[in-house]
C-alpha atoms as a PDB file:
ATOM      1  CA  MET A   1      48.299 -72.734 -24.117  1.00  0.00           C
ATOM      2  CA  LEU A   2      46.088 -69.226 -25.272  1.00  0.00           C
ATOM      3  CA  LEU A   3      44.314 -72.213 -27.629  1.00  0.00           C
ATOM      4  CA  GLY A   4      43.436 -74.239 -25.126  1.00  0.00           C
ATOM      5  CA  ILE A   5      41.858 -71.673 -23.092  1.00  0.00           C
ATOM      6  CA  ILE A   6      40.251 -70.150 -26.103  1.00  0.00           C
ATOM      7  CA  LEU A   7      39.050 -74.254 -26.420  1.00  0.00           C
ATOM      8  CA  LEU A   8      37.788 -73.655 -22.730  1.00  0.00           C
ATOM      9  CA  ALA A   9      35.961 -70.662 -23.200  1.00  0.00           C
ATOM     10  CA  THR A  10      33.888 -72.001 -26.067  1.00  0.00           C
ATOM     11  CA  LEU A  11      33.135 -75.258 -24.666  1.00  0.00           C
ATOM     12  CA  THR A  12      31.757 -73.385 -21.287  1.00  0.00           C
ATOM     13  CA  ALA A  13      29.865 -71.581 -23.573  1.00  0.00           C
ATOM     14  CA  ARG A  14      28.377 -73.862 -24.848  1.00  0.00           C
ATOM     15  CA  VAL A  15      27.833 -75.877 -21.995  1.00  0.00           C
ATOM     16  CA  GLY A  16      26.565 -73.344 -19.359  1.00  0.00           C
ATOM     17  CA  GLN A  17      24.476 -70.522 -20.834  1.00  0.00           C
ATOM     18  CA  GLY A  18      21.186 -72.630 -19.931  1.00  0.00           C
ATOM     19  CA  SER A  19      21.464 -72.850 -16.617  1.00  0.00           C
ATOM     20  CA  ASP A  20      20.391 -70.491 -14.009  1.00  0.00           C
ATOM     21  CA  ALA A  21      24.128 -70.715 -12.287  1.00  0.00           C
ATOM     22  CA  TYR A  22      25.441 -69.721 -15.457  1.00  0.00           C
ATOM     23  CA  LEU A  23      27.570 -66.351 -14.050  1.00  0.00           C
ATOM     24  CA  TRP A  24      28.987 -68.839 -11.400  1.00  0.00           C
ATOM     25  CA  ILE A  25      30.301 -70.229 -13.111  1.00  0.00           C
ATOM     26  CA  LEU A  26      32.487 -67.311 -15.118  1.00  0.00           C
ATOM     27  CA  THR A  27      32.612 -66.524 -12.256  1.00  0.00           C
ATOM     28  CA  LEU A  28      34.644 -69.904 -10.838  1.00  0.00           C
ATOM     29  CA  GLY A  29      36.282 -70.697 -14.762  1.00  0.00           C
ATOM     30  CA  THR A  30      37.636 -67.881 -14.879  1.00  0.00           C
ATOM     31  CA  THR A  31      39.504 -67.635 -11.190  1.00  0.00           C
ATOM     32  CA  LEU A  32      40.494 -70.853 -11.844  1.00  0.00           C
ATOM     33  CA  VAL A  33      42.638 -69.978 -15.281  1.00  0.00           C
ATOM     34  CA  ALA A  34      43.939 -66.561 -13.404  1.00  0.00           C
ATOM     35  CA  ALA A  35      46.004 -69.565 -10.513  1.00  0.00           C
ATOM     36  CA  PHE A  36      46.856 -71.161 -13.805  1.00  0.00           C
ATOM     37  CA  CYS A  37      48.180 -68.929 -15.888  1.00  0.00           C
ATOM     38  CA  SER A  38      49.845 -67.213 -13.390  1.00  0.00           C
ATOM     39  CA  VAL A  39      51.333 -70.388 -12.508  1.00  0.00           C
ATOM     40  CA  VAL A  40      52.827 -71.293 -16.068  1.00  0.00           C
ATOM     41  CA  THR A  41      53.501 -67.261 -16.579  1.00  0.00           C
ATOM     42  CA  ALA A  42      55.630 -67.580 -13.466  1.00  0.00           C
ATOM     43  CA  LEU A  43      57.814 -70.565 -14.253  1.00  0.00           C
ATOM     44  CA  TRP A  44      57.947 -70.223 -17.746  1.00  0.00           C
ATOM     45  CA  ARG A  45      58.795 -66.007 -17.386  1.00  0.00           C
ATOM     46  CA  LEU A  46      56.574 -65.391 -20.157  1.00  0.00           C
ATOM     47  CA  ARG A  47      56.286 -61.432 -20.478  1.00  0.00           C
ATOM     48  CA  PRO A  48      54.356 -59.811 -19.860  1.00  0.00           C
ATOM     49  CA  ALA A  49      53.569 -61.693 -16.806  1.00  0.00           C
ATOM     50  CA  GLY A  50      50.644 -62.734 -14.756  1.00  0.00           C
ATOM     51  CA  SER A  51      47.609 -63.895 -17.022  1.00  0.00           C
ATOM     52  CA  LEU A  52      45.229 -60.426 -17.744  1.00  0.00           C
ATOM     53  CA  PHE A  53      45.819 -61.558 -21.184  1.00  0.00           C
ATOM     54  CA  HIS A  54      44.551 -65.137 -20.843  1.00  0.00           C
ATOM     55  CA  ILE A  55      41.683 -64.108 -17.970  1.00  0.00           C
ATOM     56  CA  PHE A  56      40.039 -61.971 -21.678  1.00  0.00           C
ATOM     57  CA  ALA A  57      40.888 -64.462 -23.356  1.00  0.00           C
ATOM     58  CA  PHE A  58      38.050 -66.427 -20.971  1.00  0.00           C
ATOM     59  CA  ALA A  59      35.678 -64.540 -20.001  1.00  0.00           C
ATOM     60  CA  ALA A  60      35.545 -63.118 -23.291  1.00  0.00           C
ATOM     61  CA  ILE A  61      34.665 -65.852 -25.253  1.00  0.00           C
ATOM     62  CA  ALA A  62      32.550 -67.107 -21.908  1.00  0.00           C
ATOM     63  CA  SER A  63      30.265 -64.306 -22.413  1.00  0.00           C
ATOM     64  CA  VAL A  64      28.672 -63.337 -24.894  1.00  0.00           C
ATOM     65  CA  PRO A  65      25.759 -65.336 -26.075  1.00  0.00           C
ATOM     66  CA  GLN A  66      24.966 -67.978 -28.374  1.00  0.00           C
ATOM     67  CA  GLN A  67      25.267 -67.200 -32.137  1.00  0.00           C
ATOM     68  CA  PRO A  68      22.218 -68.817 -34.069  1.00  0.00           C
ATOM     69  CA  ARG A  69      22.302 -70.926 -36.700  1.00  0.00           C
ATOM     70  CA  SER A  70      23.658 -71.285 -40.005  1.00  0.00           C
ATOM     71  CA  GLY A  71      20.889 -72.195 -42.653  1.00  0.00           C
ATOM     72  CA  LYS A  72      17.243 -72.073 -42.899  1.00  0.00           C
ATOM     73  CA  GLY A  73      15.737 -68.497 -40.918  1.00  0.00           C
ATOM     74  CA  CYS A  74      19.426 -66.745 -41.117  1.00  0.00           C
ATOM     75  CA  TRP A  75      19.215 -64.987 -43.957  1.00  0.00           C
ATOM     76  CA  ARG A  76      16.334 -63.326 -44.643  1.00  0.00           C
ATOM     77  CA  ARG A  77      15.737 -62.243 -48.656  1.00  0.00           C
ATOM     78  CA  PHE A  78      14.225 -59.281 -49.854  1.00  0.00           C
END
């Protein structure tokens, strides 16, 4: 489940970063992840209970700015 959330956060960050409404998309996505993971952790009776780890994983990864392309121009020789 956590790997799916990481994938969703990565895709959200990749697609939405150029948008003016990105902060609202991130807020909505985090809310949906919190709701979904709270229900799943309650049904599966996971401990620690709640969706704190899932919320942090989604919000932290989705808020990271895009990384530069590797290759030409990435490293300079002195």
